[in-house]
Amino acid sequence: MTQNDTILETAIAAATAGGEVALERFGMDLAVDNKGDPDEAMGPADVVTETDRETQRRVVSVLTEADPTATIVGEENDAQKTVPETGRAWVIDPIDGTFNFIRGVHYWTTSVAATVDGEPVAACNFLPALDRTYTADDSDAFLDGSSISVSNRAAWKATTVAPIIPPSHGERSAYSGGVAELVEQFGSTIRYCSAQVTLALLARGALDGAVTPQRPNPWDSLAGVQLVRQAGGVVTDLDGERWTVNSDSMVASNGQIHEQLLETAQSLR
């Protein structure tokens, strides 16, 4: 067994353990906190529950037992928020799609990615409510252990693209116009309220592209980026440069429609 095999096994074990904690509370009436302005209505990026925090604690416990010297980067609790440029780190999102989770919608995931020198090397997006596990190592991507690949659809009007991570309320004028352009140019658009779920679906060919003019947080993006790339897809920023954890935007696709998606996505800014 190689070191990367061990890393991927650890990612799967941690995501599964955390996801099982979250699944026990899925569908329950949960107290919801607002991570943003408490006087404002909560959007998808603002909601958090004690289940998010409990799930992260479980994920962290598995990771620290298996790899006690690595850095842990996470959304909740007091975890570090930036990915180190050197060494190994674990990047986790206990529930990506909390907005869905609290409404009984099945599209949410417990996400764990391993990085080395800032680049993802292994990933697991576990979707407990659907009993599906997306994984990627340094050479391939899988759904429940079977190899997956991005779609080969190239005709724009036969494709489905997904806008992800909208700006805050009051800052959506350009974004709204850009989404209208996506609707006009491509066959259909859909939004899942979970960046990691969206990228996993792109990796297995259910979607053909995904885009945001926002800078994705590492826990919202790294595992999904690894899935897409190892499934044969392309991930850049809005300027067409290779996406990294420091990029200020994201365009992910099957590669066949990337140039058209880039051109259309400029209007989201």
Protein backbone atom coordinates (compact mmCIF):
# COMPACT_ATOMS: atom_id res chain seq x y z
CA MET A 1 0.00 0.00 0.00
CA THR A 2 1.40 3.41 -0.97
CA GLN A 3 1.40 6.50 1.21
CA ASN A 4 -1.30 8.06 -0.99
CA ASP A 5 -3.47 4.98 -0.53
CA THR A 6 -3.17 5.44 3.21
CA ILE A 7 -4.01 9.13 2.93
CA LEU A 8 -7.15 8.37 0.92
CA GLU A 9 -8.21 5.67 3.39
CA THR A 10 -7.86 8.18 6.22
CA ALA A 11 -9.94 10.75 4.31
CA ILE A 12 -12.68 8.17 3.73
CA ALA A 13 -12.65 7.04 7.37
CA ALA A 14 -12.91 10.60 8.67
CA ALA A 15 -15.63 11.70 6.24
CA THR A 16 -17.66 8.56 6.92
CA ALA A 17 -17.40 8.90 10.68
CA GLY A 18 -18.44 12.53 10.57
CA GLY A 19 -21.20 11.95 8.06
CA GLU A 20 -22.73 9.27 10.25
CA VAL A 21 -22.95 11.77 13.13
CA ALA A 22 -24.73 14.25 10.89
CA LEU A 23 -27.06 11.63 9.43
CA GLU A 24 -28.37 10.74 12.90
CA ARG A 25 -29.78 14.28 13.14
CA PHE A 26 -30.91 14.73 9.54
CA GLY A 27 -34.61 15.51 9.36
CA MET A 28 -34.82 16.63 12.99
CA ASP A 29 -35.97 20.04 14.16
CA LEU A 30 -32.64 21.76 14.82
CA ALA A 31 -31.72 25.10 16.33
CA VAL A 32 -30.11 27.22 13.62
CA ASP A 33 -27.58 29.99 14.26
CA ASN A 34 -26.71 32.86 11.94
CA LYS A 35 -22.99 33.16 11.14
CA GLY A 36 -23.61 36.50 9.45
CA ASP A 37 -25.42 39.63 10.63
CA PRO A 38 -27.98 38.42 13.21
CA ASP A 39 -30.34 41.20 12.12
CA GLU A 40 -30.38 39.99 8.52
CA ALA A 41 -32.16 37.04 6.93
CA MET A 42 -29.96 33.97 6.72
CA GLY A 43 -28.76 32.87 3.31
CA PRO A 44 -27.20 29.50 2.41
CA ALA A 45 -23.73 30.64 3.50
CA ASP A 46 -24.88 31.94 6.88
CA VAL A 47 -26.53 28.96 8.58
CA VAL A 48 -24.84 26.72 11.12
CA THR A 49 -26.11 24.20 13.66
CA GLU A 50 -24.62 22.38 16.61
CA THR A 51 -24.62 19.31 14.36
CA ASP A 52 -22.07 21.03 12.09
CA ARG A 53 -19.83 21.54 15.11
CA GLU A 54 -20.32 18.00 16.47
CA THR A 55 -19.63 16.53 13.05
CA GLN A 56 -16.43 18.53 12.70
CA ARG A 57 -15.26 17.37 16.11
CA ARG A 58 -15.77 13.75 15.05
CA VAL A 59 -13.91 14.27 11.76
CA VAL A 60 -11.05 15.99 13.58
CA SER A 61 -10.78 13.18 16.13
CA VAL A 62 -10.31 10.58 13.38
CA LEU A 63 -7.75 12.71 11.55
CA THR A 64 -5.69 13.59 14.61
CA GLU A 65 -5.54 9.97 15.69
CA ALA A 66 -4.35 8.89 12.24
CA ASP A 67 -2.12 11.87 11.46
CA PRO A 68 -1.37 13.84 14.63
CA THR A 69 1.24 16.21 13.16
CA ALA A 70 -0.74 17.46 10.15
CA THR A 71 -2.50 20.83 10.06
CA ILE A 72 -6.30 20.79 10.09
CA VAL A 73 -8.21 23.47 8.19
CA GLY A 74 -11.95 23.62 8.75
CA GLU A 75 -15.05 25.76 8.56
CA GLU A 76 -16.40 25.35 12.08
CA ASN A 77 -15.08 25.57 15.66
CA ASP A 78 -11.57 27.00 16.10
CA ALA A 79 -9.86 25.18 13.24
CA GLN A 80 -7.28 27.00 11.12
CA LYS A 81 -8.85 28.79 8.14
CA THR A 82 -5.97 28.89 5.63
CA VAL A 83 -4.18 26.06 3.84
CA PRO A 84 -0.44 26.00 4.56
CA GLU A 85 1.87 26.37 1.56
CA THR A 86 4.17 23.62 2.81
CA GLY A 87 3.57 20.27 4.44
CA ARG A 88 0.42 18.18 4.69
CA ALA A 89 -2.95 19.49 5.78
CA TRP A 90 -6.47 18.16 6.09
CA VAL A 91 -9.24 20.45 4.83
CA ILE A 92 -12.71 19.61 6.12
CA ASP A 93 -16.29 20.75 5.81
CA PRO A 94 -18.49 18.81 8.24
CA ILE A 95 -21.71 19.62 6.39
CA ASP A 96 -21.37 21.37 3.05
CA GLY A 97 -24.96 22.20 2.27
CA THR A 98 -26.26 23.01 5.76
CA PHE A 99 -29.02 25.06 4.10
CA ASN A 100 -30.24 21.80 2.53
CA PHE A 101 -29.55 19.75 5.66
CA ILE A 102 -31.85 21.79 7.89
CA ARG A 103 -34.67 21.61 5.31
CA GLY A 104 -34.55 17.86 4.82
CA VAL A 105 -33.03 18.12 1.33
CA HIS A 106 -30.64 15.24 0.64
CA TYR A 107 -27.89 17.18 -1.18
CA TRP A 108 -25.25 17.74 1.51
CA THR A 109 -21.89 16.19 2.12
CA THR A 110 -19.19 15.66 4.69
CA SER A 111 -16.01 16.65 2.88
CA VAL A 112 -12.38 15.81 3.61
CA ALA A 113 -9.41 16.67 1.40
CA ALA A 114 -5.72 16.10 1.98
CA THR A 115 -3.24 18.64 0.65
CA VAL A 116 0.53 18.59 0.29
CA ASP A 117 2.24 21.95 -0.20
CA GLY A 118 -1.15 23.54 -0.84
CA GLU A 119 -2.25 21.11 -3.58
CA PRO A 120 -4.96 18.45 -3.09
CA VAL A 121 -3.72 14.86 -3.29
CA ALA A 122 -6.76 12.93 -2.02
CA ALA A 123 -10.42 13.67 -1.39
CA CYS A 124 -13.64 12.20 -0.08
CA ASN A 125 -17.11 13.70 -0.39
CA PHE A 126 -19.50 11.45 1.54
CA LEU A 127 -23.22 12.09 0.91
CA PRO A 128 -24.80 10.27 3.87
CA ALA A 129 -28.45 10.94 3.03
CA LEU A 130 -27.91 9.41 -0.43
CA ASP A 131 -25.41 6.75 0.75
CA ARG A 132 -22.90 7.77 -1.91
CA THR A 133 -19.17 8.22 -1.52
CA TYR A 134 -17.11 10.18 -4.03
CA THR A 135 -13.34 9.76 -3.74
CA ALA A 136 -10.23 10.75 -5.63
CA ASP A 137 -6.56 9.89 -5.27
CA ASP A 138 -3.70 11.30 -7.34
CA SER A 139 -4.70 9.48 -10.52
CA ASP A 140 -8.42 8.65 -10.63
CA ALA A 141 -11.87 9.51 -9.26
CA PHE A 142 -14.51 7.10 -7.99
CA LEU A 143 -18.14 6.80 -6.95
CA ASP A 144 -18.65 4.00 -4.44
CA GLY A 145 -15.39 2.45 -5.61
CA SER A 146 -16.13 2.53 -9.35
CA SER A 147 -14.15 4.81 -11.61
CA ILE A 148 -16.01 7.88 -12.90
CA SER A 149 -15.34 10.50 -15.55
CA VAL A 150 -16.70 13.84 -16.62
CA SER A 151 -19.17 13.99 -19.50
CA ASN A 152 -18.12 14.37 -23.12
CA ARG A 153 -21.00 16.68 -24.03
CA ALA A 154 -19.78 19.50 -26.23
CA ALA A 155 -22.97 20.96 -27.77
CA TRP A 156 -23.69 23.95 -25.53
CA LYS A 157 -27.46 23.63 -25.76
CA ALA A 158 -27.26 20.01 -24.61
CA THR A 159 -25.33 20.84 -21.45
CA THR A 160 -26.25 21.66 -17.86
CA VAL A 161 -24.23 24.17 -15.86
CA ALA A 162 -24.50 25.20 -12.24
CA PRO A 163 -23.82 28.60 -10.67
CA ILE A 164 -22.33 28.20 -7.19
CA ILE A 165 -21.50 30.50 -4.24
CA PRO A 166 -23.41 33.71 -5.03
CA PRO A 167 -22.32 37.07 -3.59
CA SER A 168 -24.05 38.50 -0.55
CA HIS A 169 -27.44 40.13 -0.85
CA GLY A 170 -27.12 43.66 -2.17
CA GLU A 171 -24.13 42.68 -4.33
CA ARG A 172 -25.84 40.43 -6.85
CA SER A 173 -26.61 42.70 -9.78
CA ALA A 174 -23.78 41.46 -12.00
CA TYR A 175 -24.19 37.90 -10.75
CA SER A 176 -27.90 37.89 -11.59
CA GLY A 177 -27.16 39.17 -15.07
CA GLY A 178 -24.47 36.55 -15.48
CA VAL A 179 -26.83 33.75 -14.46
CA ALA A 180 -29.24 35.03 -17.10
CA GLU A 181 -26.42 34.69 -19.64
CA LEU A 182 -25.82 31.11 -18.52
CA VAL A 183 -29.52 30.37 -18.97
CA GLU A 184 -29.40 31.89 -22.46
CA GLN A 185 -26.23 30.15 -23.65
CA PHE A 186 -26.52 26.64 -22.20
CA GLY A 187 -29.19 23.98 -22.22
CA SER A 188 -30.17 24.25 -18.58
CA THR A 189 -28.96 25.62 -15.26
CA ILE A 190 -29.37 24.27 -11.75
CA ARG A 191 -28.17 25.23 -8.29
CA TYR A 192 -27.71 22.71 -5.49
CA CYS A 193 -26.74 25.04 -2.57
CA SER A 194 -23.62 22.93 -2.00
CA ALA A 195 -20.42 23.55 -3.93
CA GLN A 196 -18.97 20.16 -3.01
CA VAL A 197 -22.07 18.27 -4.16
CA THR A 198 -22.06 20.28 -7.40
CA LEU A 199 -18.43 19.46 -8.13
CA ALA A 200 -18.97 15.77 -7.32
CA LEU A 201 -21.87 15.64 -9.79
CA LEU A 202 -19.69 17.33 -12.40
CA ALA A 203 -16.98 14.72 -11.81
CA ARG A 204 -19.37 11.85 -12.58
CA GLY A 205 -20.83 13.51 -15.67
CA ALA A 206 -24.24 14.49 -14.30
CA LEU A 207 -23.36 18.17 -14.83
CA ASP A 208 -21.13 19.72 -17.45
CA GLY A 209 -19.94 22.91 -15.79
CA ALA A 210 -19.96 24.96 -12.59
CA VAL A 211 -18.94 28.55 -11.99
CA THR A 212 -18.63 31.23 -9.31
CA PRO A 213 -17.16 34.74 -9.43
CA GLN A 214 -16.45 34.43 -5.69
CA ARG A 215 -13.30 33.11 -4.06
CA PRO A 216 -14.34 29.69 -2.72
CA ASN A 217 -13.28 28.80 0.78
CA PRO A 218 -10.86 25.84 0.78
CA TRP A 219 -13.37 23.61 2.59
CA ASP A 220 -15.98 24.40 -0.09
CA SER A 221 -13.71 23.54 -2.99
CA LEU A 222 -10.57 21.43 -2.57
CA ALA A 223 -12.15 17.99 -2.41
CA GLY A 224 -14.43 18.75 -5.34
CA VAL A 225 -11.60 20.18 -7.43
CA GLN A 226 -9.60 17.00 -6.91
CA LEU A 227 -12.61 14.93 -7.97
CA VAL A 228 -13.17 16.95 -11.14
CA ARG A 229 -9.53 16.96 -12.20
CA GLN A 230 -8.99 13.25 -11.58
CA ALA A 231 -12.21 12.53 -13.49
CA GLY A 232 -10.76 14.32 -16.53
CA GLY A 233 -12.22 17.78 -16.07
CA VAL A 234 -10.70 21.26 -16.06
CA VAL A 235 -10.75 23.81 -13.24
CA THR A 236 -9.53 27.39 -13.72
CA ASP A 237 -10.31 30.87 -12.48
CA LEU A 238 -12.39 33.31 -14.52
CA ASP A 239 -9.26 34.42 -16.37
CA GLY A 240 -8.55 30.89 -17.52
CA GLU A 241 -5.57 30.37 -15.20
CA ARG A 242 -5.20 27.04 -13.41
CA TRP A 243 -7.27 27.14 -10.22
CA THR A 244 -5.43 27.07 -6.91
CA VAL A 245 -6.59 27.55 -3.34
CA ASN A 246 -5.64 31.24 -3.71
CA SER A 247 -7.73 31.86 -6.84
CA ASP A 248 -10.42 34.55 -6.63
CA SER A 249 -13.02 32.66 -8.68
CA MET A 250 -13.73 29.24 -10.19
CA VAL A 251 -14.81 27.78 -13.51
CA ALA A 252 -15.00 23.97 -13.60
CA SER A 253 -16.09 21.94 -16.60
CA ASN A 254 -15.82 18.73 -18.56
CA GLY A 255 -13.23 20.49 -20.74
CA GLN A 256 -15.42 20.32 -23.82
CA ILE A 257 -17.30 23.52 -23.00
CA HIS A 258 -14.65 25.30 -20.97
CA GLU A 259 -13.88 28.15 -23.35
CA GLN A 260 -17.55 28.98 -23.88
CA LEU A 261 -18.21 28.73 -20.15
CA LEU A 262 -15.29 31.06 -19.42
CA GLU A 263 -16.55 33.60 -21.93
CA THR A 264 -20.09 33.55 -20.58
CA ALA A 265 -18.95 33.54 -16.96
CA GLN A 266 -17.21 36.89 -17.36
CA SER A 267 -20.62 38.51 -17.07
CA LEU A 268 -20.99 37.17 -13.51
CA ARG A 269 -18.42 39.70 -12.26
